[in-house]
């Protein structure tokens, strides 16, 4: 795992379409440090003023909420990057089921993780790596290619 994480085994990579043989995360992860607001802004092409850590370590939920102020020339960007490190495959299946029920019209996204989907409502991109989920949600809507770049970069740092 990254230097900001505590000791413990990290996810192991495997071959395939960007998949990983992860068994869940065992450490505290600071997504805002691993993916600073400047990196997100560069990939998305929109400014972000703040990156706020919003974790629930007991459930291995690690989250960073990126925002920008609303000004007369625009702004108001908001993007949430989260990792579910415990029971990710169950959560992924539940999210996919909810979005496939007509609410968000979930569509599979090939070429990243073990499985991935996008939806127009809750999940802009949700990717499963073993038993770990990485997802992007929020008001700012990056392209699927931008979402993939963000998630792939974060996954490589875990």
C-alpha atoms as a PDB file:
ATOM      1  CA  UNK A   1       0.000   0.000   0.000  1.00  0.00           C
ATOM      2  CA  UNK A   2       0.966   3.622  -0.251  1.00  0.00           C
ATOM      3  CA  UNK A   3       3.226   5.224   2.310  1.00  0.00           C
ATOM      4  CA  UNK A   4       0.266   6.957   3.971  1.00  0.00           C
ATOM      5  CA  UNK A   5      -1.339   3.645   4.825  1.00  0.00           C
ATOM      6  CA  UNK A   6      -0.655   1.590   7.915  1.00  0.00           C
ATOM      7  CA  UNK A   7       0.990  -1.804   7.782  1.00  0.00           C
ATOM      8  CA  UNK A   8      -0.777  -4.801   6.356  1.00  0.00           C
ATOM      9  CA  UNK A   9      -0.948  -6.677   3.099  1.00  0.00           C
ATOM     10  CA  UNK A  10      -2.116  -4.690   0.115  1.00  0.00           C
ATOM     11  CA  UNK A  11      -4.001  -5.764  -2.964  1.00  0.00           C
ATOM     12  CA  UNK A  12      -2.072  -7.981  -5.315  1.00  0.00           C
ATOM     13  CA  UNK A  13      -2.253  -7.467  -9.047  1.00  0.00           C
ATOM     14  CA  UNK A  14      -3.103 -10.124 -11.547  1.00  0.00           C
ATOM     15  CA  UNK A  15      -3.234 -10.185 -15.292  1.00  0.00           C
ATOM     16  CA  UNK A  16      -6.378  -9.589 -17.275  1.00  0.00           C
ATOM     17  CA  UNK A  17      -8.317  -6.541 -18.319  1.00  0.00           C
ATOM     18  CA  UNK A  18      -6.961  -4.307 -15.598  1.00  0.00           C
ATOM     19  CA  UNK A  19      -8.307  -6.645 -12.931  1.00  0.00           C
ATOM     20  CA  UNK A  20      -6.784  -7.398  -9.601  1.00  0.00           C
ATOM     21  CA  UNK A  21      -6.851 -10.288  -7.194  1.00  0.00           C
ATOM     22  CA  UNK A  22      -7.580  -8.107  -4.186  1.00  0.00           C
ATOM     23  CA  UNK A  23      -8.901  -9.621  -0.987  1.00  0.00           C
ATOM     24  CA  UNK A  24     -10.028  -6.293   0.451  1.00  0.00           C
ATOM     25  CA  UNK A  25      -8.017  -3.486   1.970  1.00  0.00           C
ATOM     26  CA  UNK A  26      -6.577  -3.827   5.435  1.00  0.00           C
ATOM     27  CA  UNK A  27      -5.240  -0.312   5.961  1.00  0.00           C
ATOM     28  CA  UNK A  28      -6.387   3.244   6.452  1.00  0.00           C
ATOM     29  CA  UNK A  29      -6.162   5.041   3.115  1.00  0.00           C
ATOM     30  CA  UNK A  30      -6.100   8.793   2.543  1.00  0.00           C
ATOM     31  CA  UNK A  31      -7.547   9.210  -0.938  1.00  0.00           C
ATOM     32  CA  UNK A  32      -7.135  13.004  -0.808  1.00  0.00           C
ATOM     33  CA  UNK A  33      -3.361  12.521  -0.359  1.00  0.00           C
ATOM     34  CA  UNK A  34      -3.116   9.775  -2.983  1.00  0.00           C
ATOM     35  CA  UNK A  35      -5.157  11.787  -5.500  1.00  0.00           C
ATOM     36  CA  UNK A  36      -4.691  15.506  -4.720  1.00  0.00           C
ATOM     37  CA  UNK A  37      -7.195  18.028  -6.082  1.00  0.00           C
ATOM     38  CA  UNK A  38      -4.613  19.186  -8.647  1.00  0.00           C
ATOM     39  CA  UNK A  39      -4.451  15.686 -10.149  1.00  0.00           C
ATOM     40  CA  UNK A  40      -8.251  15.436 -10.343  1.00  0.00           C
ATOM     41  CA  UNK A  41      -8.445  18.933 -11.884  1.00  0.00           C
ATOM     42  CA  UNK A  42      -5.798  18.033 -14.495  1.00  0.00           C
ATOM     43  CA  UNK A  43      -7.629  14.870 -15.539  1.00  0.00           C
ATOM     44  CA  UNK A  44     -11.150  16.342 -15.513  1.00  0.00           C
ATOM     45  CA  UNK A  45     -10.157  19.741 -16.900  1.00  0.00           C
ATOM     46  CA  UNK A  46     -12.090  21.659 -14.236  1.00  0.00           C
ATOM     47  CA  UNK A  47     -10.812  23.438 -11.122  1.00  0.00           C
ATOM     48  CA  UNK A  48     -11.299  22.146  -7.598  1.00  0.00           C
ATOM     49  CA  UNK A  49     -10.584  24.360  -4.565  1.00  0.00           C
ATOM     50  CA  UNK A  50     -10.867  21.784  -1.789  1.00  0.00           C
ATOM     51  CA  UNK A  51     -10.393  18.082  -1.175  1.00  0.00           C
ATOM     52  CA  UNK A  52     -12.098  16.909   2.015  1.00  0.00           C
ATOM     53  CA  UNK A  53     -11.434  13.489   3.509  1.00  0.00           C
ATOM     54  CA  UNK A  54     -14.639  11.723   4.572  1.00  0.00           C
ATOM     55  CA  UNK A  55     -13.751   8.252   5.849  1.00  0.00           C
ATOM     56  CA  UNK A  56     -15.461   5.597   7.934  1.00  0.00           C
ATOM     57  CA  UNK A  57     -12.431   3.463   8.841  1.00  0.00           C
ATOM     58  CA  UNK A  58     -14.374   0.850  10.825  1.00  0.00           C
ATOM     59  CA  UNK A  59     -16.167  -0.096   7.583  1.00  0.00           C
ATOM     60  CA  UNK A  60     -13.086   0.477   5.402  1.00  0.00           C
ATOM     61  CA  UNK A  61     -14.879   3.281   3.549  1.00  0.00           C
ATOM     62  CA  UNK A  62     -12.378   5.824   2.290  1.00  0.00           C
ATOM     63  CA  UNK A  63     -13.590   8.899   0.497  1.00  0.00           C
ATOM     64  CA  UNK A  64     -12.475  12.266  -0.825  1.00  0.00           C
ATOM     65  CA  UNK A  65     -14.949  14.981  -1.794  1.00  0.00           C
ATOM     66  CA  UNK A  66     -13.537  17.526  -4.252  1.00  0.00           C
ATOM     67  CA  UNK A  67     -15.361  20.852  -4.618  1.00  0.00           C
ATOM     68  CA  UNK A  68     -14.963  24.332  -6.054  1.00  0.00           C
ATOM     69  CA  UNK A  69     -16.676  27.566  -5.112  1.00  0.00           C
ATOM     70  CA  UNK A  70     -19.463  28.940  -7.239  1.00  0.00           C
ATOM     71  CA  UNK A  71     -18.462  32.276  -8.759  1.00  0.00           C
ATOM     72  CA  UNK A  72     -19.975  34.628 -11.328  1.00  0.00           C
ATOM     73  CA  UNK A  73     -17.832  32.917 -13.989  1.00  0.00           C
ATOM     74  CA  UNK A  74     -18.771  29.351 -13.073  1.00  0.00           C
ATOM     75  CA  UNK A  75     -17.436  26.840 -10.618  1.00  0.00           C
ATOM     76  CA  UNK A  76     -19.585  24.727  -8.384  1.00  0.00           C
ATOM     77  CA  UNK A  77     -17.739  21.580  -9.405  1.00  0.00           C
ATOM     78  CA  UNK A  78     -18.157  18.562  -7.135  1.00  0.00           C
ATOM     79  CA  UNK A  79     -16.724  15.074  -7.496  1.00  0.00           C
ATOM     80  CA  UNK A  80     -16.536  12.250  -4.970  1.00  0.00           C
ATOM     81  CA  UNK A  81     -13.904   9.514  -5.221  1.00  0.00           C
ATOM     82  CA  UNK A  82     -14.458   6.578  -2.899  1.00  0.00           C
ATOM     83  CA  UNK A  83     -13.037   3.189  -2.027  1.00  0.00           C
ATOM     84  CA  UNK A  84     -15.044   0.425  -0.361  1.00  0.00           C
ATOM     85  CA  UNK A  85     -12.478  -1.922   1.153  1.00  0.00           C
ATOM     86  CA  UNK A  86     -14.782  -4.356   2.969  1.00  0.00           C
ATOM     87  CA  UNK A  87     -17.543  -6.322   1.269  1.00  0.00           C
ATOM     88  CA  UNK A  88     -16.972  -4.488  -1.985  1.00  0.00           C
ATOM     89  CA  UNK A  89     -18.294  -7.249  -4.226  1.00  0.00           C
ATOM     90  CA  UNK A  90     -21.582  -7.406  -2.299  1.00  0.00           C
ATOM     91  CA  UNK A  91     -21.923  -3.619  -2.459  1.00  0.00           C
ATOM     92  CA  UNK A  92     -21.077  -3.588  -6.160  1.00  0.00           C
ATOM     93  CA  UNK A  93     -23.745  -6.205  -6.896  1.00  0.00           C
ATOM     94  CA  UNK A  94     -26.332  -4.276  -4.839  1.00  0.00           C
ATOM     95  CA  UNK A  95     -25.511  -0.987  -6.607  1.00  0.00           C
ATOM     96  CA  UNK A  96     -25.629  -2.660 -10.016  1.00  0.00           C
ATOM     97  CA  UNK A  97     -28.974  -4.281  -9.199  1.00  0.00           C
ATOM     98  CA  UNK A  98     -30.446  -0.976  -8.015  1.00  0.00           C
ATOM     99  CA  UNK A  99     -29.197   0.871 -11.092  1.00  0.00           C
ATOM    100  CA  UNK A 100     -30.350  -1.904 -13.447  1.00  0.00           C
ATOM    101  CA  UNK A 101     -33.904  -1.649 -12.145  1.00  0.00           C
ATOM    102  CA  UNK A 102     -34.618   1.270 -14.449  1.00  0.00           C
ATOM    103  CA  UNK A 103     -33.449   3.985 -12.053  1.00  0.00           C
ATOM    104  CA  UNK A 104     -30.080   4.700 -13.607  1.00  0.00           C
ATOM    105  CA  UNK A 105     -29.893   2.453 -16.657  1.00  0.00           C
ATOM    106  CA  UNK A 106     -26.600   0.804 -15.719  1.00  0.00           C
ATOM    107  CA  UNK A 107     -24.289  -0.068 -18.601  1.00  0.00           C
ATOM    108  CA  UNK A 108     -21.222  -2.307 -18.385  1.00  0.00           C
ATOM    109  CA  UNK A 109     -17.849  -0.613 -18.961  1.00  0.00           C
ATOM    110  CA  UNK A 110     -15.150  -2.879 -20.401  1.00  0.00           C
ATOM    111  CA  UNK A 111     -11.398  -2.548 -20.002  1.00  0.00           C
ATOM    112  CA  UNK A 112     -11.075  -1.740 -16.313  1.00  0.00           C
ATOM    113  CA  UNK A 113     -11.092  -3.845 -13.158  1.00  0.00           C
ATOM    114  CA  UNK A 114     -12.806  -7.193 -12.832  1.00  0.00           C
ATOM    115  CA  UNK A 115     -16.205  -5.620 -13.555  1.00  0.00           C
ATOM    116  CA  UNK A 116     -17.388  -2.050 -14.038  1.00  0.00           C
ATOM    117  CA  UNK A 117     -20.571  -0.145 -14.804  1.00  0.00           C
ATOM    118  CA  UNK A 118     -21.724   3.383 -15.378  1.00  0.00           C
ATOM    119  CA  UNK A 119     -25.078   4.944 -14.619  1.00  0.00           C
ATOM    120  CA  UNK A 120     -26.618   8.336 -15.199  1.00  0.00           C
ATOM    121  CA  UNK A 121     -27.936   8.678 -11.650  1.00  0.00           C
ATOM    122  CA  UNK A 122     -25.768   7.531  -8.738  1.00  0.00           C
ATOM    123  CA  UNK A 123     -22.547   6.085 -10.094  1.00  0.00           C
ATOM    124  CA  UNK A 124     -20.680   7.778 -12.897  1.00  0.00           C
ATOM    125  CA  UNK A 125     -18.274   4.838 -12.808  1.00  0.00           C
ATOM    126  CA  UNK A 126     -18.081   1.996 -10.300  1.00  0.00           C
ATOM    127  CA  UNK A 127     -15.261  -0.545 -10.657  1.00  0.00           C
ATOM    128  CA  UNK A 128     -14.753  -3.822  -8.810  1.00  0.00           C
ATOM    129  CA  UNK A 129     -11.214  -5.118  -8.173  1.00  0.00           C
ATOM    130  CA  UNK A 130     -11.499  -8.413  -6.275  1.00  0.00           C
ATOM    131  CA  UNK A 131     -13.459  -7.385  -3.165  1.00  0.00           C
ATOM    132  CA  UNK A 132     -12.598  -3.670  -3.415  1.00  0.00           C
ATOM    133  CA  UNK A 133     -14.797  -1.099  -5.147  1.00  0.00           C
ATOM    134  CA  UNK A 134     -13.558   2.254  -6.410  1.00  0.00           C
ATOM    135  CA  UNK A 135     -16.234   4.659  -7.570  1.00  0.00           C
ATOM    136  CA  UNK A 136     -16.754   8.197  -8.787  1.00  0.00           C
ATOM    137  CA  UNK A 137     -19.985  10.086  -8.154  1.00  0.00           C
ATOM    138  CA  UNK A 138     -20.946  13.741  -7.989  1.00  0.00           C
ATOM    139  CA  UNK A 139     -22.336  16.747  -9.790  1.00  0.00           C
ATOM    140  CA  UNK A 140     -19.344  17.185 -12.098  1.00  0.00           C
ATOM    141  CA  UNK A 141     -19.593  14.593 -14.841  1.00  0.00           C
ATOM    142  CA  UNK A 142     -16.217  13.517 -16.241  1.00  0.00           C
ATOM    143  CA  UNK A 143     -16.160  11.394 -19.380  1.00  0.00           C
ATOM    144  CA  UNK A 144     -15.857   7.627 -19.001  1.00  0.00           C
ATOM    145  CA  UNK A 145     -12.246   7.908 -20.237  1.00  0.00           C
ATOM    146  CA  UNK A 146     -11.505  10.504 -17.513  1.00  0.00           C
ATOM    147  CA  UNK A 147     -13.236   8.346 -14.877  1.00  0.00           C
ATOM    148  CA  UNK A 148     -11.155   5.345 -15.972  1.00  0.00           C
ATOM    149  CA  UNK A 149      -7.955   7.387 -15.754  1.00  0.00           C
ATOM    150  CA  UNK A 150      -8.759   8.592 -12.221  1.00  0.00           C
ATOM    151  CA  UNK A 151      -9.745   5.140 -10.974  1.00  0.00           C
ATOM    152  CA  UNK A 152      -6.794   3.386 -12.644  1.00  0.00           C
ATOM    153  CA  UNK A 153      -4.351   5.915 -11.171  1.00  0.00           C
ATOM    154  CA  UNK A 154      -5.824   5.512  -7.686  1.00  0.00           C
ATOM    155  CA  UNK A 155      -5.892   1.708  -7.933  1.00  0.00           C
ATOM    156  CA  UNK A 156      -2.199   1.681  -8.900  1.00  0.00           C
ATOM    157  CA  UNK A 157      -1.422   3.575  -5.656  1.00  0.00           C
ATOM    158  CA  UNK A 158      -3.318   1.217  -3.340  1.00  0.00           C
END
